[in-house]
Amino acid sequence: MSLNHVPEKVVGKFRIKLMPSMFTARNGKTDIVIRAINPENWGACINGKFYTICLILAHEDHHIVSDHNRTVPDEILSSLSAWGF
């Protein structure tokens, strides 16, 4: 699947996006990166808002690749496939 076919999705304070994996053990694979708005104004600046990574999942089976100990609601996790992730 091309990364261009799955749009970035914003759900409340969360931003979800498919990205090439940043992990060398996953070279050539894609990950689902879930970020949340950071009220402390640090992190990646996207459209004037700061986001920090909450969770990174493997695109192929949704297993956790990296957990940053920030809560992501179950409603978001259970809807990833329906949203095209």
Protein backbone atom coordinates (compact mmCIF):
# COMPACT_ATOMS: atom_id res chain seq x y z
CA MET A 1 0.00 0.00 0.00
CA SER A 2 1.27 3.44 -0.85
CA LEU A 3 1.59 5.82 2.07
CA ASN A 4 -0.12 8.46 -0.08
CA HIS A 5 -3.40 6.50 -0.12
CA VAL A 6 -3.97 6.66 3.64
CA PRO A 7 -4.63 10.17 4.86
CA GLU A 8 -3.41 11.54 8.11
CA LYS A 9 -6.32 11.50 10.55
CA VAL A 10 -7.00 13.85 13.43
CA VAL A 11 -9.29 12.59 16.19
CA GLY A 12 -9.72 15.02 19.07
CA LYS A 13 -6.24 15.76 20.40
CA PHE A 14 -4.71 12.81 18.52
CA ARG A 15 -3.04 12.81 15.09
CA ILE A 16 -2.57 9.43 13.37
CA LYS A 17 -0.29 8.90 10.39
CA LEU A 18 1.39 6.08 8.46
CA MET A 19 5.12 6.61 8.18
CA PRO A 20 8.16 4.64 7.05
CA SER A 21 9.51 2.93 10.14
CA MET A 22 12.32 4.78 11.91
CA PHE A 23 13.58 1.52 13.45
CA THR A 24 16.44 -0.29 11.73
CA ALA A 25 14.96 -3.67 12.67
CA ARG A 26 11.87 -2.69 10.65
CA ASN A 27 13.71 -1.42 7.59
CA GLY A 28 11.34 -1.14 4.61
CA LYS A 29 8.17 -1.44 6.71
CA THR A 30 5.60 1.14 7.73
CA ASP A 31 4.39 2.14 11.17
CA ILE A 32 1.29 3.84 12.50
CA VAL A 33 2.41 6.80 14.58
CA ILE A 34 -0.11 8.19 17.06
CA ARG A 35 0.71 11.62 18.48
CA ALA A 36 -1.17 13.80 20.98
CA ILE A 37 -1.21 17.55 21.41
CA ASN A 38 1.32 18.56 24.04
CA PRO A 39 0.02 21.48 26.11
CA GLU A 40 3.58 22.20 27.27
CA ASN A 41 4.43 23.44 23.74
CA TRP A 42 7.28 21.12 22.86
CA GLY A 43 7.52 18.27 20.39
CA ALA A 44 6.85 18.16 16.65
CA CYS A 45 5.16 21.36 15.47
CA ILE A 46 2.38 20.51 12.99
CA ASN A 47 0.05 23.26 11.79
CA GLY A 48 1.05 25.46 14.71
CA LYS A 49 0.35 22.83 17.40
CA PHE A 50 2.94 20.78 19.26
CA TYR A 51 2.56 16.99 19.31
CA THR A 52 4.43 14.23 21.14
CA ILE A 53 4.43 10.56 20.19
CA CYS A 54 2.14 8.37 22.28
CA LEU A 55 2.37 5.04 20.51
CA ILE A 56 3.95 3.48 17.44
CA LEU A 57 2.29 0.38 15.98
CA ALA A 58 3.39 -1.97 13.20
CA HIS A 59 1.16 -1.31 10.20
CA GLU A 60 0.98 -4.97 9.18
CA ASP A 61 -0.51 -6.34 12.43
CA HIS A 62 -0.94 -3.39 14.84
CA HIS A 63 1.46 -4.81 17.42
CA ILE A 64 3.19 -2.23 19.62
CA VAL A 65 6.61 -1.22 18.33
CA SER A 66 7.17 1.62 20.80
CA ASP A 67 5.07 2.69 23.78
CA HIS A 68 5.78 6.14 25.18
CA ASN A 69 3.55 5.65 28.25
CA ARG A 70 0.88 8.07 27.05
CA THR A 71 -2.69 6.85 27.00
CA VAL A 72 -4.48 6.35 23.69
CA PRO A 73 -8.24 5.65 24.02
CA ASP A 74 -9.44 2.17 23.07
CA GLU A 75 -11.96 3.76 20.67
CA ILE A 76 -9.07 5.05 18.56
CA LEU A 77 -7.13 1.78 18.63
CA SER A 78 -10.19 -0.30 17.71
CA SER A 79 -11.04 2.04 14.80
CA LEU A 80 -7.63 2.06 13.05
CA SER A 81 -8.53 -0.62 10.49
CA ALA A 82 -11.86 1.04 9.67
CA TRP A 83 -10.01 4.32 9.04
CA GLY A 84 -7.60 2.65 6.62
CA PHE A 85 -4.69 2.13 8.95
